[in-house]
Amino acid sequence: IDPSQFRVLNDLLQKECKGRGRLETLTFAATA
């Protein structure tokens, strides 16, 4: 994802899943 999407996804999970969903960063800057 674009780094700007991280907060969007996090907010979506917080709002819709009420803590049931999980978002985890594996690589901050993924390169080839």
Full PDB file with SEQRES, HELIX, SHEET, SSBOND, CRYST1, ORIGX, SCALE, CONECT and MASTER records, all heavy atoms in Angstrom:
SEQRES   1 A   32  ILE ASP PRO SER GLN PHE ARG VAL LEU ASN ASP LEU LEU          
SEQRES   2 A   32  GLN LYS GLU CYS LYS GLY ARG GLY ARG LEU GLU THR LEU          
SEQRES   3 A   32  THR PHE ALA ALA THR ALA                                      
HELIX    1 AA1 GLN A    5  CYS A   17  1                                  13    
CRYST1    1.000    1.000    1.000  90.00  90.00  90.00 P 1           1          
ORIGX1      1.000000  0.000000  0.000000        0.00000                         
ORIGX2      0.000000  1.000000  0.000000        0.00000                         
ORIGX3      0.000000  0.000000  1.000000        0.00000                         
SCALE1      1.000000  0.000000  0.000000        0.00000                         
SCALE2      0.000000  1.000000  0.000000        0.00000                         
SCALE3      0.000000  0.000000  1.000000        0.00000                         
ATOM      1  N   ILE A   1       0.836  -1.207   0.000  1.00  0.00           N  
ATOM      2  CA  ILE A   1       0.000   0.000   0.000  1.00  0.00           C  
ATOM      3  C   ILE A   1       0.869   1.255   0.000  1.00  0.00           C  
ATOM      4  O   ILE A   1       2.021   1.228   0.431  1.00  0.00           O  
ATOM      5  CB  ILE A   1      -0.935   0.036   1.226  1.00  0.00           C  
ATOM      6  CG1 ILE A   1      -0.116   0.089   2.521  1.00  0.00           C  
ATOM      7  CG2 ILE A   1      -1.885  -1.153   1.224  1.00  0.00           C  
ATOM      8  CD1 ILE A   1      -0.942   0.367   3.776  1.00  0.00           C  
ATOM      9  N   ASP A   2       0.309   2.351  -0.485  1.00  0.00           N  
ATOM     10  CA  ASP A   2       0.944   3.650  -0.320  1.00  0.00           C  
ATOM     11  C   ASP A   2       0.914   3.973   1.175  1.00  0.00           C  
ATOM     12  O   ASP A   2      -0.085   3.694   1.850  1.00  0.00           O  
ATOM     13  CB  ASP A   2       0.174   4.719  -1.110  1.00  0.00           C  
ATOM     14  CG  ASP A   2       0.868   6.073  -1.077  1.00  0.00           C  
ATOM     15  OD1 ASP A   2       0.731   6.780  -0.057  1.00  0.00           O  
ATOM     16  OD2 ASP A   2       1.545   6.418  -2.055  1.00  0.00           O  
ATOM     17  N   PRO A   3       2.008   4.548   1.717  1.00  0.00           N  
ATOM     18  CA  PRO A   3       2.031   4.850   3.163  1.00  0.00           C  
ATOM     19  C   PRO A   3       0.828   5.657   3.647  1.00  0.00           C  
ATOM     20  O   PRO A   3       0.396   5.521   4.792  1.00  0.00           O  
ATOM     21  CB  PRO A   3       3.337   5.638   3.327  1.00  0.00           C  
ATOM     22  CG  PRO A   3       4.219   5.126   2.227  1.00  0.00           C  
ATOM     23  CD  PRO A   3       3.299   4.870   1.071  1.00  0.00           C  
ATOM     24  N   SER A   4       0.282   6.493   2.761  1.00  0.00           N  
ATOM     25  CA  SER A   4      -0.868   7.317   3.158  1.00  0.00           C  
ATOM     26  C   SER A   4      -2.120   6.475   3.433  1.00  0.00           C  
ATOM     27  O   SER A   4      -3.060   6.931   4.097  1.00  0.00           O  
ATOM     28  CB  SER A   4      -1.178   8.347   2.072  1.00  0.00           C  
ATOM     29  OG  SER A   4      -1.566   7.703   0.864  1.00  0.00           O  
ATOM     30  N   GLN A   5      -2.141   5.226   2.904  1.00  0.00           N  
ATOM     31  CA  GLN A   5      -3.305   4.366   3.088  1.00  0.00           C  
ATOM     32  C   GLN A   5      -3.321   3.648   4.436  1.00  0.00           C  
ATOM     33  O   GLN A   5      -4.340   3.076   4.826  1.00  0.00           O  
ATOM     34  CB  GLN A   5      -3.352   3.325   1.963  1.00  0.00           C  
ATOM     35  CG  GLN A   5      -3.828   3.858   0.626  1.00  0.00           C  
ATOM     36  CD  GLN A   5      -5.280   4.303   0.687  1.00  0.00           C  
ATOM     37  OE1 GLN A   5      -6.144   3.566   1.155  1.00  0.00           O  
ATOM     38  NE2 GLN A   5      -5.554   5.514   0.234  1.00  0.00           N  
ATOM     39  N   PHE A   6      -2.186   3.673   5.121  1.00  0.00           N  
ATOM     40  CA  PHE A   6      -2.103   2.926   6.380  1.00  0.00           C  
ATOM     41  C   PHE A   6      -3.135   3.430   7.387  1.00  0.00           C  
ATOM     42  O   PHE A   6      -3.861   2.643   8.005  1.00  0.00           O  
ATOM     43  CB  PHE A   6      -0.696   3.016   6.970  1.00  0.00           C  
ATOM     44  CG  PHE A   6      -0.508   2.177   8.201  1.00  0.00           C  
ATOM     45  CD1 PHE A   6      -0.189   0.829   8.095  1.00  0.00           C  
ATOM     46  CD2 PHE A   6      -0.663   2.712   9.472  1.00  0.00           C  
ATOM     47  CE1 PHE A   6      -0.034   0.031   9.222  1.00  0.00           C  
ATOM     48  CE2 PHE A   6      -0.512   1.929  10.608  1.00  0.00           C  
ATOM     49  CZ  PHE A   6      -0.191   0.582  10.474  1.00  0.00           C  
ATOM     50  N   ARG A   7      -3.203   4.742   7.534  1.00  0.00           N  
ATOM     51  CA  ARG A   7      -4.158   5.300   8.496  1.00  0.00           C  
ATOM     52  C   ARG A   7      -5.598   5.036   8.058  1.00  0.00           C  
ATOM     53  O   ARG A   7      -6.473   4.792   8.895  1.00  0.00           O  
ATOM     54  CB  ARG A   7      -3.915   6.804   8.670  1.00  0.00           C  
ATOM     55  CG  ARG A   7      -4.897   7.469   9.608  1.00  0.00           C  
ATOM     56  CD  ARG A   7      -4.524   8.887   9.938  1.00  0.00           C  
ATOM     57  NE  ARG A   7      -3.382   8.938  10.844  1.00  0.00           N  
ATOM     58  CZ  ARG A   7      -2.886  10.063  11.337  1.00  0.00           C  
ATOM     59  NH1 ARG A   7      -3.418  11.223  11.013  1.00  0.00           N  
ATOM     60  NH2 ARG A   7      -1.854  10.038  12.156  1.00  0.00           N  
ATOM     61  N   VAL A   8      -5.829   5.098   6.744  1.00  0.00           N  
ATOM     62  CA  VAL A   8      -7.176   4.833   6.220  1.00  0.00           C  
ATOM     63  C   VAL A   8      -7.622   3.422   6.593  1.00  0.00           C  
ATOM     64  O   VAL A   8      -8.739   3.209   7.083  1.00  0.00           O  
ATOM     65  CB  VAL A   8      -7.201   5.016   4.680  1.00  0.00           C  
ATOM     66  CG1 VAL A   8      -8.570   4.643   4.125  1.00  0.00           C  
ATOM     67  CG2 VAL A   8      -6.852   6.457   4.297  1.00  0.00           C  
ATOM     68  N   LEU A   9      -6.722   2.454   6.364  1.00  0.00           N  
ATOM     69  CA  LEU A   9      -7.043   1.063   6.703  1.00  0.00           C  
ATOM     70  C   LEU A   9      -7.219   0.880   8.211  1.00  0.00           C  
ATOM     71  O   LEU A   9      -8.134   0.187   8.671  1.00  0.00           O  
ATOM     72  CB  LEU A   9      -5.935   0.131   6.202  1.00  0.00           C  
ATOM     73  CG  LEU A   9      -5.884  -0.147   4.701  1.00  0.00           C  
ATOM     74  CD1 LEU A   9      -4.675  -1.011   4.374  1.00  0.00           C  
ATOM     75  CD2 LEU A   9      -7.163  -0.814   4.228  1.00  0.00           C  
ATOM     76  N   ASN A  10      -6.333   1.503   8.963  1.00  0.00           N  
ATOM     77  CA  ASN A  10      -6.398   1.381  10.425  1.00  0.00           C  
ATOM     78  C   ASN A  10      -7.710   1.943  10.962  1.00  0.00           C  
ATOM     79  O   ASN A  10      -8.363   1.321  11.813  1.00  0.00           O  
ATOM     80  CB  ASN A  10      -5.202   2.103  11.045  1.00  0.00           C  
ATOM     81  CG  ASN A  10      -5.050   1.780  12.522  1.00  0.00           C  
ATOM     82  OD1 ASN A  10      -4.970   0.624  12.911  1.00  0.00           O  
ATOM     83  ND2 ASN A  10      -5.022   2.814  13.355  1.00  0.00           N  
ATOM     84  N   ASP A  11      -8.100   3.120  10.456  1.00  0.00           N  
ATOM     85  CA  ASP A  11      -9.359   3.741  10.892  1.00  0.00           C  
ATOM     86  C   ASP A  11     -10.560   2.863  10.515  1.00  0.00           C  
ATOM     87  O   ASP A  11     -11.522   2.740  11.286  1.00  0.00           O  
ATOM     88  CB  ASP A  11      -9.516   5.130  10.270  1.00  0.00           C  
ATOM     89  CG  ASP A  11      -8.546   6.144  10.867  1.00  0.00           C  
ATOM     90  OD1 ASP A  11      -7.924   5.834  11.898  1.00  0.00           O  
ATOM     91  OD2 ASP A  11      -8.395   7.238  10.286  1.00  0.00           O  
ATOM     92  N   LEU A  12     -10.495   2.251   9.317  1.00  0.00           N  
ATOM     93  CA  LEU A  12     -11.577   1.387   8.858  1.00  0.00           C  
ATOM     94  C   LEU A  12     -11.753   0.189   9.800  1.00  0.00           C  
ATOM     95  O   LEU A  12     -12.874  -0.149  10.206  1.00  0.00           O  
ATOM     96  CB  LEU A  12     -11.285   0.902   7.438  1.00  0.00           C  
ATOM     97  CG  LEU A  12     -12.320  -0.047   6.808  1.00  0.00           C  
ATOM     98  CD1 LEU A  12     -13.630   0.681   6.568  1.00  0.00           C  
ATOM     99  CD2 LEU A  12     -11.776  -0.622   5.494  1.00  0.00           C  
ATOM    100  N   LEU A  13     -10.637  -0.440  10.151  1.00  0.00           N  
ATOM    101  CA  LEU A  13     -10.696  -1.597  11.043  1.00  0.00           C  
ATOM    102  C   LEU A  13     -11.182  -1.213  12.441  1.00  0.00           C  
ATOM    103  O   LEU A  13     -11.955  -1.930  13.072  1.00  0.00           O  
ATOM    104  CB  LEU A  13      -9.322  -2.269  11.131  1.00  0.00           C  
ATOM    105  CG  LEU A  13      -8.805  -2.945   9.853  1.00  0.00           C  
ATOM    106  CD1 LEU A  13      -7.443  -3.579  10.101  1.00  0.00           C  
ATOM    107  CD2 LEU A  13      -9.781  -3.999   9.354  1.00  0.00           C  
ATOM    108  N   GLN A  14     -10.680  -0.065  12.928  1.00  0.00           N  
ATOM    109  CA  GLN A  14     -11.090   0.389  14.260  1.00  0.00           C  
ATOM    110  C   GLN A  14     -12.596   0.645  14.309  1.00  0.00           C  
ATOM    111  O   GLN A  14     -13.282   0.285  15.267  1.00  0.00           O  
ATOM    112  CB  GLN A  14     -10.336   1.677  14.630  1.00  0.00           C  
ATOM    113  CG  GLN A  14      -8.846   1.502  14.842  1.00  0.00           C  
ATOM    114  CD  GLN A  14      -8.529   0.772  16.128  1.00  0.00           C  
ATOM    115  OE1 GLN A  14      -9.300   0.761  17.063  1.00  0.00           O  
ATOM    116  NE2 GLN A  14      -7.373   0.120  16.161  1.00  0.00           N  
ATOM    117  N   LYS A  15     -13.101   1.262  13.245  1.00  0.00           N  
ATOM    118  CA  LYS A  15     -14.510   1.658  13.218  1.00  0.00           C  
ATOM    119  C   LYS A  15     -15.436   0.456  13.005  1.00  0.00           C  
ATOM    120  O   LYS A  15     -16.454   0.306  13.682  1.00  0.00           O  
ATOM    121  CB  LYS A  15     -14.725   2.682  12.104  1.00  0.00           C  
ATOM    122  CG  LYS A  15     -16.162   3.180  11.986  1.00  0.00           C  
ATOM    123  CD  LYS A  15     -16.296   4.169  10.836  1.00  0.00           C  
ATOM    124  CE  LYS A  15     -17.754   4.611  10.671  1.00  0.00           C  
ATOM    125  NZ  LYS A  15     -17.909   5.516   9.506  1.00  0.00           N  
ATOM    126  N   GLU A  16     -15.063  -0.400  12.050  1.00  0.00           N  
ATOM    127  CA  GLU A  16     -15.970  -1.469  11.643  1.00  0.00           C  
ATOM    128  C   GLU A  16     -15.793  -2.767  12.436  1.00  0.00           C  
ATOM    129  O   GLU A  16     -16.725  -3.544  12.570  1.00  0.00           O  
ATOM    130  CB  GLU A  16     -15.786  -1.766  10.144  1.00  0.00           C  
ATOM    131  CG  GLU A  16     -16.046  -0.577   9.235  1.00  0.00           C  
ATOM    132  CD  GLU A  16     -17.515  -0.190   9.180  1.00  0.00           C  
ATOM    133  OE1 GLU A  16     -18.369  -1.004   9.596  1.00  0.00           O  
ATOM    134  OE2 GLU A  16     -17.820   0.936   8.722  1.00  0.00           O  
ATOM    135  N   CYS A  17     -14.579  -3.009  12.927  1.00  0.00           N  
ATOM    136  CA  CYS A  17     -14.309  -4.304  13.582  1.00  0.00           C  
ATOM    137  C   CYS A  17     -14.276  -4.233  15.093  1.00  0.00           C  
ATOM    138  O   CYS A  17     -14.247  -5.277  15.759  1.00  0.00           O  
ATOM    139  CB  CYS A  17     -12.970  -4.871  13.092  1.00  0.00           C  
ATOM    140  SG  CYS A  17     -13.015  -5.355  11.368  1.00  0.00           S  
ATOM    141  N   LYS A  18     -14.224  -3.015  15.614  1.00  0.00           N  
ATOM    142  CA  LYS A  18     -14.219  -2.834  17.071  1.00  0.00           C  
ATOM    143  C   LYS A  18     -13.147  -3.696  17.754  1.00  0.00           C  
ATOM    144  O   LYS A  18     -13.401  -4.361  18.757  1.00  0.00           O  
ATOM    145  CB  LYS A  18     -15.598  -3.185  17.650  1.00  0.00           C  
ATOM    146  CG  LYS A  18     -16.747  -2.411  17.054  1.00  0.00           C  
ATOM    147  CD  LYS A  18     -16.693  -0.929  17.410  1.00  0.00           C  
ATOM    148  CE  LYS A  18     -17.973  -0.205  17.018  1.00  0.00           C  
ATOM    149  NZ  LYS A  18     -18.164  -0.080  15.574  1.00  0.00           N  
ATOM    150  N   GLY A  19     -11.924  -3.679  17.145  1.00  0.00           N  
ATOM    151  CA  GLY A  19     -10.819  -4.406  17.759  1.00  0.00           C  
ATOM    152  C   GLY A  19     -10.674  -5.846  17.317  1.00  0.00           C  
ATOM    153  O   GLY A  19      -9.728  -6.532  17.703  1.00  0.00           O  
ATOM    154  N   ARG A  20     -11.611  -6.334  16.496  1.00  0.00           N  
ATOM    155  CA  ARG A  20     -11.530  -7.737  16.051  1.00  0.00           C  
ATOM    156  C   ARG A  20     -10.561  -7.909  14.879  1.00  0.00           C  
ATOM    157  O   ARG A  20      -9.989  -8.971  14.702  1.00  0.00           O  
ATOM    158  CB  ARG A  20     -12.916  -8.245  15.643  1.00  0.00           C  
ATOM    159  CG  ARG A  20     -13.925  -8.288  16.783  1.00  0.00           C  
ATOM    160  CD  ARG A  20     -15.205  -8.977  16.360  1.00  0.00           C  
ATOM    161  NE  ARG A  20     -15.837  -8.344  15.193  1.00  0.00           N  
ATOM    162  CZ  ARG A  20     -16.671  -7.327  15.264  1.00  0.00           C  
ATOM    163  NH1 ARG A  20     -16.988  -6.807  16.448  1.00  0.00           N  
ATOM    164  NH2 ARG A  20     -17.212  -6.823  14.172  1.00  0.00           N  
ATOM    165  N   GLY A  21     -10.395  -6.853  14.070  1.00  0.00           N  
ATOM    166  CA  GLY A  21      -9.474  -6.922  12.942  1.00  0.00           C  
ATOM    167  C   GLY A  21      -8.062  -6.562  13.377  1.00  0.00           C  
ATOM    168  O   GLY A  21      -7.850  -5.996  14.459  1.00  0.00           O  
ATOM    169  N   ARG A  22      -7.097  -6.892  12.513  1.00  0.00           N  
ATOM    170  CA  ARG A  22      -5.705  -6.626  12.859  1.00  0.00           C  
ATOM    171  C   ARG A  22      -4.949  -6.103  11.640  1.00  0.00           C  
ATOM    172  O   ARG A  22      -5.087  -6.653  10.545  1.00  0.00           O  
ATOM    173  CB  ARG A  22      -5.054  -7.904  13.382  1.00  0.00           C  
ATOM    174  CG  ARG A  22      -3.652  -7.696  13.923  1.00  0.00           C  
ATOM    175  CD  ARG A  22      -3.112  -9.001  14.444  1.00  0.00           C  
ATOM    176  NE  ARG A  22      -1.729  -8.868  14.876  1.00  0.00           N  
ATOM    177  CZ  ARG A  22      -0.921  -9.873  15.137  1.00  0.00           C  
ATOM    178  NH1 ARG A  22      -1.357 -11.111  14.992  1.00  0.00           N  
ATOM    179  NH2 ARG A  22       0.318  -9.674  15.517  1.00  0.00           N  
ATOM    180  N   LEU A  23      -4.162  -5.054  11.857  1.00  0.00           N  
ATOM    181  CA  LEU A  23      -3.317  -4.484  10.796  1.00  0.00           C  
ATOM    182  C   LEU A  23      -1.883  -4.470  11.304  1.00  0.00           C  
ATOM    183  O   LEU A  23      -1.592  -3.872  12.335  1.00  0.00           O  
ATOM    184  CB  LEU A  23      -3.771  -3.057  10.447  1.00  0.00           C  
ATOM    185  CG  LEU A  23      -2.959  -2.299   9.395  1.00  0.00           C  
ATOM    186  CD1 LEU A  23      -2.988  -3.003   8.058  1.00  0.00           C  
ATOM    187  CD2 LEU A  23      -3.473  -0.867   9.261  1.00  0.00           C  
ATOM    188  N   GLU A  24      -0.999  -5.107  10.554  1.00  0.00           N  
ATOM    189  CA  GLU A  24       0.385  -5.251  11.002  1.00  0.00           C  
ATOM    190  C   GLU A  24       1.353  -4.827   9.896  1.00  0.00           C  
ATOM    191  O   GLU A  24       1.181  -5.229   8.742  1.00  0.00           O  
ATOM    192  CB  GLU A  24       0.620  -6.725  11.371  1.00  0.00           C  
ATOM    193  CG  GLU A  24       2.007  -7.050  11.839  1.00  0.00           C  
ATOM    194  CD  GLU A  24       2.200  -8.549  12.041  1.00  0.00           C  
ATOM    195  OE1 GLU A  24       1.231  -9.322  11.874  1.00  0.00           O  
ATOM    196  OE2 GLU A  24       3.335  -8.960  12.364  1.00  0.00           O  
ATOM    197  N   THR A  25       2.331  -4.006  10.242  1.00  0.00           N  
ATOM    198  CA  THR A  25       3.334  -3.590   9.254  1.00  0.00           C  
ATOM    199  C   THR A  25       4.419  -4.650   9.158  1.00  0.00           C  
ATOM    200  O   THR A  25       5.053  -5.006  10.158  1.00  0.00           O  
ATOM    201  CB  THR A  25       3.969  -2.248   9.658  1.00  0.00           C  
ATOM    202  OG1 THR A  25       2.941  -1.262   9.773  1.00  0.00           O  
ATOM    203  CG2 THR A  25       4.978  -1.791   8.617  1.00  0.00           C  
ATOM    204  N   LEU A  26       4.683  -5.133   7.949  1.00  0.00           N  
ATOM    205  CA  LEU A  26       5.733  -6.114   7.722  1.00  0.00           C  
ATOM    206  C   LEU A  26       7.015  -5.452   7.224  1.00  0.00           C  
ATOM    207  O   LEU A  26       8.109  -5.806   7.619  1.00  0.00           O  
ATOM    208  CB  LEU A  26       5.274  -7.172   6.707  1.00  0.00           C  
ATOM    209  CG  LEU A  26       4.013  -7.963   7.099  1.00  0.00           C  
ATOM    210  CD1 LEU A  26       3.645  -8.940   5.979  1.00  0.00           C  
ATOM    211  CD2 LEU A  26       4.231  -8.709   8.409  1.00  0.00           C  
ATOM    212  N   THR A  27       6.848  -4.467   6.305  1.00  0.00           N  
ATOM    213  CA  THR A  27       7.982  -3.727   5.761  1.00  0.00           C  
ATOM    214  C   THR A  27       7.573  -2.282   5.577  1.00  0.00           C  
ATOM    215  O   THR A  27       6.560  -2.011   4.919  1.00  0.00           O  
ATOM    216  CB  THR A  27       8.420  -4.310   4.384  1.00  0.00           C  
ATOM    217  OG1 THR A  27       8.509  -5.723   4.469  1.00  0.00           O  
ATOM    218  CG2 THR A  27       9.761  -3.737   3.957  1.00  0.00           C  
ATOM    219  N   PHE A  28       8.334  -1.359   6.153  1.00  0.00           N  
ATOM    220  CA  PHE A  28       7.995   0.065   6.030  1.00  0.00           C  
ATOM    221  C   PHE A  28       8.236   0.589   4.626  1.00  0.00           C  
ATOM    222  O   PHE A  28       7.528   1.447   4.127  1.00  0.00           O  
ATOM    223  CB  PHE A  28       8.773   0.903   7.051  1.00  0.00           C  
ATOM    224  CG  PHE A  28       8.198   0.842   8.427  1.00  0.00           C  
ATOM    225  CD1 PHE A  28       8.728   0.009   9.388  1.00  0.00           C  
ATOM    226  CD2 PHE A  28       7.077   1.607   8.764  1.00  0.00           C  
ATOM    227  CE1 PHE A  28       8.188  -0.051  10.666  1.00  0.00           C  
ATOM    228  CE2 PHE A  28       6.522   1.553  10.036  1.00  0.00           C  
ATOM    229  CZ  PHE A  28       7.089   0.723  10.990  1.00  0.00           C  
ATOM    230  N   ALA A  29       9.298   0.101   3.974  1.00  0.00           N  
ATOM    231  CA  ALA A  29       9.599   0.537   2.603  1.00  0.00           C  
ATOM    232  C   ALA A  29       9.961  -0.706   1.795  1.00  0.00           C  
ATOM    233  O   ALA A  29      11.086  -1.153   1.796  1.00  0.00           O  
ATOM    234  CB  ALA A  29      10.747   1.542   2.586  1.00  0.00           C  
ATOM    235  N   ALA A  30       8.952  -1.260   1.115  1.00  0.00           N  
ATOM    236  CA  ALA A  30       9.169  -2.473   0.336  1.00  0.00           C  
ATOM    237  C   ALA A  30       9.801  -2.127  -1.004  1.00  0.00           C  
ATOM    238  O   ALA A  30       9.299  -1.280  -1.738  1.00  0.00           O  
ATOM    239  CB  ALA A  30       7.833  -3.177   0.116  1.00  0.00           C  
ATOM    240  N   THR A  31      10.934  -2.744  -1.305  1.00  0.00           N  
ATOM    241  CA  THR A  31      11.610  -2.538  -2.577  1.00  0.00           C  
ATOM    242  C   THR A  31      11.734  -3.878  -3.287  1.00  0.00           C  
ATOM    243  O   THR A  31      11.491  -4.933  -2.702  1.00  0.00           O  
ATOM    244  CB  THR A  31      13.012  -1.934  -2.370  1.00  0.00           C  
ATOM    245  OG1 THR A  31      13.774  -2.816  -1.533  1.00  0.00           O  
ATOM    246  CG2 THR A  31      12.930  -0.569  -1.709  1.00  0.00           C  
ATOM    247  N   ALA A  32      12.135  -3.821  -4.555  1.00  0.00           N  
ATOM    248  CA  ALA A  32      12.260  -5.051  -5.334  1.00  0.00           C  
ATOM    249  C   ALA A  32      13.204  -6.009  -4.632  1.00  0.00           C  
ATOM    250  O   ALA A  32      14.317  -5.632  -4.250  1.00  0.00           O  
ATOM    251  CB  ALA A  32      12.758  -4.722  -6.735  1.00  0.00           C  
TER     252      ALA A  32                                                      
MASTER        0    0    0    1    0    0    0    6  251    1    0    3          
END                                                                             
